[in-house]
């Protein structure tokens, strides 16, 4: 998978084993902004977070749906082209020789970007006290602003009416979301009903990086998470940097985000402040569009996935179907909180309480 843009370059890539001659770009993205609270949707029609790392992961989910849909074909050759194999007990698993890699042009926002420069230039103990105090701490993006702020030990619940009345919408940093992917996988709650977790094999950072600190913030700060429910695990991707990364030019970040997906004929551009395309239509990466694809698979794969019953009433109910995913998520949140790194901030629940319309 791969992404590129004026603000942040990202790459998701797949390879058969470690032979890069077989590597293929899957998705590309750019962006450094989040949606303004007034545009939050209770029908799943917007993309809340348009930072490149988050957009490319949603583009990757789009790709995973396409790979899973190959198994609906009557042609065996289509099944063989998929990165998934069907399990005898039901469901699907990634083929053993397929690996996924992420390239990001600069350290992800949050603790990884905040503290990496200090790791390079000086001993952290000689740095500003505020930096030492919040090292490894959860951080949130600021609506209509730049940078991140540490999460307080007690976090007020974000409410729908509060956000729509003008309260700043809070979004977890990219560093923290990537830490979450290393436990729960990239596929998300919906696809977990069909497939086993999909993890990154490597993360390559272009600039503002320090691999030692990246390792601490991505993996080591939640080492005490304990044994996770099968098939989830604490993934430790290979981490590396590019020593001769292109110099970044100062300037205001654009309000748009672009994404490209392997197999799709067009490059999609989204207004990051509204979470929709410039013509007002919804992105292919919004919750509603991805849920629509999931619902089609649910009906067609119902005979192949053990324990499938009637179609869930809505998006929220569908996300709760995989109990192992939900258990692993709660275990992750508790481990972070127990380590004194803050409490994960959630969006208002109303945004997930929608159903597909005829």
Protein backbone atom coordinates (compact mmCIF):
# COMPACT_ATOMS: atom_id res chain seq x y z
CA UNK A 1 0.00 0.00 0.00
CA UNK A 2 1.38 3.44 -0.73
CA UNK A 3 0.41 7.07 -0.27
CA UNK A 4 1.75 10.42 -1.34
CA UNK A 5 0.87 14.07 -0.96
CA UNK A 6 2.10 17.56 -0.23
CA UNK A 7 1.76 17.23 3.51
CA UNK A 8 2.50 13.63 4.38
CA UNK A 9 3.63 10.72 2.26
CA UNK A 10 2.59 7.25 3.25
CA UNK A 11 2.93 3.81 1.79
CA UNK A 12 1.25 0.53 2.43
CA UNK A 13 2.91 -2.20 0.42
CA UNK A 14 2.54 -5.94 0.12
CA UNK A 15 5.22 -8.46 -0.71
CA UNK A 16 5.37 -12.22 -1.12
CA UNK A 17 7.83 -13.05 1.60
CA UNK A 18 10.80 -10.69 1.66
CA UNK A 19 11.40 -10.67 -2.09
CA UNK A 20 10.86 -7.01 -3.04
CA UNK A 21 10.69 -7.92 -6.72
CA UNK A 22 7.15 -9.09 -5.98
CA UNK A 23 6.21 -6.03 -3.90
CA UNK A 24 3.17 -4.05 -4.97
CA UNK A 25 1.82 -0.64 -4.00
CA UNK A 26 -1.68 -1.05 -2.57
CA UNK A 27 -2.77 2.38 -1.33
CA UNK A 28 -1.61 6.00 -1.31
CA UNK A 29 -2.79 8.90 0.81
CA UNK A 30 -2.01 12.41 2.03
CA UNK A 31 -3.46 14.73 4.66
CA UNK A 32 -2.88 16.34 8.07
CA UNK A 33 -6.34 17.55 9.14
CA UNK A 34 -9.41 16.31 11.02
CA UNK A 35 -13.09 17.11 10.54
CA UNK A 36 -14.67 20.15 12.22
CA UNK A 37 -17.18 19.07 14.86
CA UNK A 38 -20.12 20.76 13.14
CA UNK A 39 -19.80 18.32 10.22
CA UNK A 40 -19.92 15.16 12.35
CA UNK A 41 -22.39 12.69 10.82
CA UNK A 42 -24.82 10.36 12.57
CA UNK A 43 -25.25 8.41 9.32
CA UNK A 44 -21.61 7.47 8.78
CA UNK A 45 -21.27 9.70 5.71
CA UNK A 46 -18.02 11.52 6.54
CA UNK A 47 -14.37 10.67 7.16
CA UNK A 48 -13.55 12.00 10.64
CA UNK A 49 -9.75 11.81 10.52
CA UNK A 50 -7.93 12.77 7.31
CA UNK A 51 -4.37 12.39 8.56
CA UNK A 52 -2.50 10.36 5.94
CA UNK A 53 -1.78 7.38 8.20
CA UNK A 54 -5.47 7.02 9.03
CA UNK A 55 -6.70 7.55 5.47
CA UNK A 56 -4.30 5.00 4.00
CA UNK A 57 -5.39 2.44 6.56
CA UNK A 58 -9.04 3.00 5.53
CA UNK A 59 -7.95 2.64 1.90
CA UNK A 60 -6.26 -0.62 2.89
CA UNK A 61 -9.52 -1.84 4.42
CA UNK A 62 -11.17 -1.06 1.07
CA UNK A 63 -8.52 -3.30 -0.53
CA UNK A 64 -9.16 -6.10 1.98
CA UNK A 65 -12.85 -6.09 1.04
CA UNK A 66 -11.89 -6.49 -2.60
CA UNK A 67 -9.63 -9.42 -1.75
CA UNK A 68 -12.35 -11.09 0.29
CA UNK A 69 -14.91 -10.55 -2.47
CA UNK A 70 -12.75 -12.66 -4.80
CA UNK A 71 -13.88 -15.69 -2.79
CA UNK A 72 -17.46 -15.07 -3.88
CA UNK A 73 -16.48 -15.91 -7.44
CA UNK A 74 -17.25 -19.31 -8.93
CA UNK A 75 -13.82 -19.32 -10.56
CA UNK A 76 -11.04 -21.03 -8.63
CA UNK A 77 -8.50 -18.73 -10.31
CA UNK A 78 -10.14 -15.77 -8.53
CA UNK A 79 -9.77 -17.47 -5.15
CA UNK A 80 -6.10 -18.08 -5.86
CA UNK A 81 -5.53 -14.39 -6.65
CA UNK A 82 -6.83 -13.37 -3.21
CA UNK A 83 -4.42 -12.71 -0.33
CA UNK A 84 -6.78 -14.77 1.85
CA UNK A 85 -7.27 -18.52 2.18
CA UNK A 86 -10.50 -20.08 3.40
CA UNK A 87 -10.28 -21.99 6.68
CA UNK A 88 -11.99 -25.35 7.13
CA UNK A 89 -13.54 -24.20 10.40
CA UNK A 90 -14.93 -21.08 8.75
CA UNK A 91 -13.61 -17.63 8.03
CA UNK A 92 -10.44 -16.53 6.25
CA UNK A 93 -6.78 -16.02 7.04
CA UNK A 94 -3.97 -14.13 5.31
CA UNK A 95 -1.71 -16.35 3.21
CA UNK A 96 1.58 -17.06 4.94
CA UNK A 97 3.80 -15.52 2.27
CA UNK A 98 1.99 -12.14 2.17
CA UNK A 99 3.42 -9.23 4.18
CA UNK A 100 2.30 -5.62 4.52
CA UNK A 101 4.56 -2.61 4.98
CA UNK A 102 3.90 1.04 5.78
CA UNK A 103 5.98 4.03 4.76
CA UNK A 104 5.29 7.44 6.32
CA UNK A 105 7.28 10.50 5.33
CA UNK A 106 7.58 11.85 8.87
CA UNK A 107 6.95 10.47 12.36
CA UNK A 108 3.23 10.12 13.09
CA UNK A 109 1.67 12.91 15.14
CA UNK A 110 1.62 12.40 18.88
CA UNK A 111 4.35 11.10 21.13
CA UNK A 112 6.40 9.57 18.29
CA UNK A 113 6.89 12.97 16.67
CA UNK A 114 7.08 15.00 19.87
CA UNK A 115 9.94 13.11 21.54
CA UNK A 116 11.97 11.68 18.64
CA UNK A 117 13.93 14.94 18.05
CA UNK A 118 15.02 14.97 21.70
CA UNK A 119 16.24 11.38 21.40
CA UNK A 120 18.48 12.48 18.53
CA UNK A 121 19.83 15.79 19.81
CA UNK A 122 20.17 15.33 23.56
CA UNK A 123 19.57 13.24 26.63
CA UNK A 124 15.86 13.36 27.42
CA UNK A 125 16.62 14.14 31.09
CA UNK A 126 18.06 17.50 30.03
CA UNK A 127 15.00 18.43 27.98
CA UNK A 128 12.04 20.50 29.03
CA UNK A 129 10.23 19.13 32.13
CA UNK A 130 6.88 19.15 30.28
CA UNK A 131 8.34 16.79 27.65
CA UNK A 132 9.66 14.38 30.30
CA UNK A 133 6.38 14.38 32.19
CA UNK A 134 4.26 13.32 29.24
CA UNK A 135 6.71 10.98 27.52
CA UNK A 136 4.79 7.98 26.17
CA UNK A 137 1.46 9.55 27.15
CA UNK A 138 -1.67 9.36 25.00
CA UNK A 139 -2.20 12.53 22.98
CA UNK A 140 -5.08 14.02 20.99
CA UNK A 141 -5.31 16.11 17.84
CA UNK A 142 -6.81 19.56 18.13
CA UNK A 143 -9.80 20.56 16.02
CA UNK A 144 -8.89 23.36 13.57
CA UNK A 145 -5.37 23.39 14.98
CA UNK A 146 -1.90 21.93 14.58
CA UNK A 147 -0.09 19.47 16.82
CA UNK A 148 -1.35 17.37 19.73
CA UNK A 149 -1.96 17.73 23.47
CA UNK A 150 -1.63 15.10 26.24
CA UNK A 151 -4.77 13.35 27.44
CA UNK A 152 -5.70 14.18 31.00
CA UNK A 153 -6.02 11.43 33.62
CA UNK A 154 -9.75 12.11 33.71
CA UNK A 155 -11.37 12.69 30.35
CA UNK A 156 -14.91 14.07 30.03
CA UNK A 157 -17.15 12.11 27.69
CA UNK A 158 -17.62 13.72 24.29
CA UNK A 159 -21.32 14.25 23.71
CA UNK A 160 -23.16 14.74 20.44
CA UNK A 161 -25.00 17.88 21.51
CA UNK A 162 -21.83 19.26 23.12
CA UNK A 163 -19.78 18.93 19.93
CA UNK A 164 -22.56 20.36 17.76
CA UNK A 165 -22.87 23.26 20.23
CA UNK A 166 -19.25 24.24 19.71
CA UNK A 167 -17.11 22.03 21.98
CA UNK A 168 -13.84 21.04 20.29
CA UNK A 169 -13.92 17.57 18.77
CA UNK A 170 -11.15 15.40 20.22
CA UNK A 171 -9.37 12.80 18.06
CA UNK A 172 -6.65 10.40 19.18
CA UNK A 173 -3.19 10.95 17.71
CA UNK A 174 -1.80 8.85 14.86
CA UNK A 175 0.90 7.45 17.18
CA UNK A 176 -1.77 6.07 19.50
CA UNK A 177 -3.93 4.70 16.70
CA UNK A 178 -0.94 2.88 15.22
CA UNK A 179 -0.18 1.42 18.65
CA UNK A 180 -3.76 0.13 18.63
CA UNK A 181 -3.24 -1.48 15.20
CA UNK A 182 -0.32 -3.46 16.64
CA UNK A 183 -2.76 -5.20 18.98
CA UNK A 184 -6.10 -5.27 17.16
CA UNK A 185 -4.85 -5.41 13.58
CA UNK A 186 -5.52 -3.15 10.61
CA UNK A 187 -8.82 -4.73 9.55
CA UNK A 188 -11.07 -3.15 12.20
CA UNK A 189 -14.08 -4.49 14.06
CA UNK A 190 -16.31 -5.22 11.06
CA UNK A 191 -13.87 -7.31 9.02
CA UNK A 192 -12.83 -9.19 12.17
CA UNK A 193 -16.08 -11.09 11.79
CA UNK A 194 -14.77 -12.65 8.56
CA UNK A 195 -10.97 -12.64 8.79
CA UNK A 196 -8.19 -13.12 11.31
CA UNK A 197 -6.23 -10.00 12.33
CA UNK A 198 -3.94 -8.45 9.70
CA UNK A 199 -0.78 -6.86 11.11
CA UNK A 200 1.99 -4.69 9.67
CA UNK A 201 5.32 -6.40 9.13
CA UNK A 202 7.28 -3.15 9.00
CA UNK A 203 7.01 0.62 9.41
CA UNK A 204 9.49 2.92 7.65
CA UNK A 205 9.67 6.60 8.62
CA UNK A 206 11.20 9.27 6.41
CA UNK A 207 12.08 12.08 8.83
CA UNK A 208 11.77 13.24 12.46
CA UNK A 209 12.28 9.69 13.61
CA UNK A 210 14.30 7.77 16.15
CA UNK A 211 13.81 4.02 15.88
CA UNK A 212 14.53 3.46 19.57
CA UNK A 213 11.80 5.85 20.63
CA UNK A 214 9.43 4.56 17.94
CA UNK A 215 9.85 1.07 19.36
CA UNK A 216 9.10 2.27 22.89
CA UNK A 217 6.01 4.21 21.91
CA UNK A 218 4.63 1.68 19.41
CA UNK A 219 5.16 -1.49 21.41
CA UNK A 220 7.04 -1.34 24.68
CA UNK A 221 4.72 1.08 26.52
CA UNK A 222 2.02 -1.63 26.56
CA UNK A 223 4.24 -4.66 27.25
CA UNK A 224 2.11 -5.48 30.31
CA UNK A 225 -1.02 -6.04 28.25
CA UNK A 226 -0.96 -9.75 29.09
CA UNK A 227 -2.30 -12.71 27.12
CA UNK A 228 -4.78 -11.63 24.43
CA UNK A 229 -7.79 -13.63 23.24
CA UNK A 230 -7.04 -15.76 20.17
CA UNK A 231 -6.27 -14.93 17.37
CA UNK A 232 -5.03 -11.51 18.57
CA UNK A 233 -1.45 -10.85 19.63
CA UNK A 234 0.90 -7.99 20.48
CA UNK A 235 2.57 -7.35 17.13
CA UNK A 236 6.09 -5.90 16.96
CA UNK A 237 6.69 -4.61 13.41
CA UNK A 238 10.19 -3.98 12.13
CA UNK A 239 11.00 -0.27 12.47
CA UNK A 240 13.43 1.70 10.35
CA UNK A 241 14.12 5.17 9.01
CA UNK A 242 15.34 6.80 5.83
CA UNK A 243 18.54 8.74 6.54
CA UNK A 244 18.38 10.97 3.47
CA UNK A 245 14.73 11.97 3.59
CA UNK A 246 13.79 14.96 1.45
CA UNK A 247 13.88 18.26 3.33
CA UNK A 248 10.42 19.42 4.34
CA UNK A 249 9.38 22.90 3.27
CA UNK A 250 7.64 25.04 5.92
CA UNK A 251 4.12 26.20 5.15
CA UNK A 252 0.50 25.83 6.11
CA UNK A 253 -0.96 22.38 5.65
CA UNK A 254 -3.65 22.06 2.96
CA UNK A 255 -7.25 21.29 3.91
CA UNK A 256 -7.61 18.44 1.46
CA UNK A 257 -6.71 14.77 1.66
CA UNK A 258 -6.15 12.46 -1.31
CA UNK A 259 -6.36 8.69 -1.54
CA UNK A 260 -5.67 6.10 -4.22
CA UNK A 261 -6.38 2.35 -4.03
CA UNK A 262 -5.06 -0.46 -6.19
CA UNK A 263 -7.72 -1.46 -8.71
CA UNK A 264 -9.63 1.83 -8.46
CA UNK A 265 -9.47 4.00 -11.58
CA UNK A 266 -9.50 7.35 -9.83
CA UNK A 267 -7.69 9.42 -7.24
CA UNK A 268 -10.21 10.63 -4.65
CA UNK A 269 -9.84 14.04 -2.99
CA UNK A 270 -11.63 14.79 0.30
CA UNK A 271 -12.10 18.12 2.09
CA UNK A 272 -10.61 17.25 5.47
CA UNK A 273 -12.64 19.91 7.33
CA UNK A 274 -16.01 18.49 6.16
CA UNK A 275 -15.02 14.86 5.67
CA UNK A 276 -16.65 14.79 2.22
CA UNK A 277 -15.62 15.32 -1.39
CA UNK A 278 -15.72 18.85 -2.78
CA UNK A 279 -19.07 18.20 -4.51
CA UNK A 280 -20.64 17.24 -1.18
CA UNK A 281 -20.81 13.50 -1.86
CA UNK A 282 -19.44 10.91 0.54
CA UNK A 283 -16.00 9.36 0.29
CA UNK A 284 -15.61 5.70 -0.57
CA UNK A 285 -13.75 5.45 2.76
CA UNK A 286 -16.57 6.69 5.03
CA UNK A 287 -18.21 4.33 7.50
CA UNK A 288 -21.43 4.02 5.52
CA UNK A 289 -19.69 2.90 2.32
CA UNK A 290 -17.51 0.33 4.07
CA UNK A 291 -20.47 -0.96 6.09
CA UNK A 292 -22.42 -1.39 2.85
CA UNK A 293 -19.68 -3.66 1.50
CA UNK A 294 -19.60 -5.58 4.78
CA UNK A 295 -23.38 -6.14 4.70
CA UNK A 296 -23.19 -7.61 1.19
CA UNK A 297 -20.49 -10.03 2.33
CA UNK A 298 -22.47 -10.96 5.43
CA UNK A 299 -25.35 -12.25 3.37
CA UNK A 300 -23.23 -14.06 0.79
CA UNK A 301 -20.77 -15.59 3.24
CA UNK A 302 -23.39 -16.51 5.83
CA UNK A 303 -23.14 -20.19 4.97
CA UNK A 304 -19.35 -20.16 5.34
CA UNK A 305 -18.91 -18.33 8.63
CA UNK A 306 -19.86 -20.33 11.70
CA UNK A 307 -22.37 -18.77 14.07
CA UNK A 308 -23.80 -16.20 11.66
CA UNK A 309 -27.41 -15.33 12.36
CA UNK A 310 -29.73 -12.60 11.18
CA UNK A 311 -28.26 -9.38 9.78
CA UNK A 312 -27.37 -6.96 12.63
CA UNK A 313 -29.78 -4.07 13.05
CA UNK A 314 -27.13 -1.42 12.37
CA UNK A 315 -23.48 -0.42 12.20
CA UNK A 316 -22.92 -0.38 15.96
CA UNK A 317 -24.37 -3.89 16.38
CA UNK A 318 -22.26 -5.19 13.49
CA UNK A 319 -19.07 -3.91 15.13
CA UNK A 320 -19.88 -5.84 18.29
CA UNK A 321 -20.28 -9.22 16.55
CA UNK A 322 -16.68 -10.33 17.07
CA UNK A 323 -16.42 -10.70 20.83
CA UNK A 324 -12.69 -11.51 20.70
CA UNK A 325 -11.97 -8.19 19.00
CA UNK A 326 -13.99 -6.29 21.60
CA UNK A 327 -12.27 -8.14 24.47
CA UNK A 328 -8.83 -7.40 23.04
CA UNK A 329 -9.76 -3.73 22.62
CA UNK A 330 -10.89 -3.36 26.21
CA UNK A 331 -7.76 -5.17 27.40
CA UNK A 332 -5.63 -2.68 25.44
CA UNK A 333 -7.43 0.35 26.90
CA UNK A 334 -7.07 -1.02 30.44
CA UNK A 335 -3.34 -1.72 29.94
CA UNK A 336 -2.74 1.84 28.74
CA UNK A 337 -4.69 3.30 31.64
CA UNK A 338 -2.97 1.01 34.18
CA UNK A 339 0.41 2.22 32.90
CA UNK A 340 -0.59 5.79 33.74
CA UNK A 341 -0.57 6.91 30.11
CA UNK A 342 -4.09 8.31 30.05
CA UNK A 343 -7.58 7.22 29.03
CA UNK A 344 -8.55 6.58 25.41
CA UNK A 345 -10.94 9.30 24.23
CA UNK A 346 -13.98 8.11 22.27
CA UNK A 347 -16.20 9.95 19.82
CA UNK A 348 -19.89 10.50 20.70
CA UNK A 349 -21.65 7.10 20.36
CA UNK A 350 -24.41 8.60 18.20
CA UNK A 351 -22.08 8.60 15.18
CA UNK A 352 -22.19 4.78 15.06
CA UNK A 353 -25.91 4.35 15.62
CA UNK A 354 -27.04 4.21 12.02
CA UNK A 355 -28.45 1.55 9.71
CA UNK A 356 -28.31 1.05 5.97
CA UNK A 357 -31.13 2.76 4.11
CA UNK A 358 -32.93 1.02 1.20
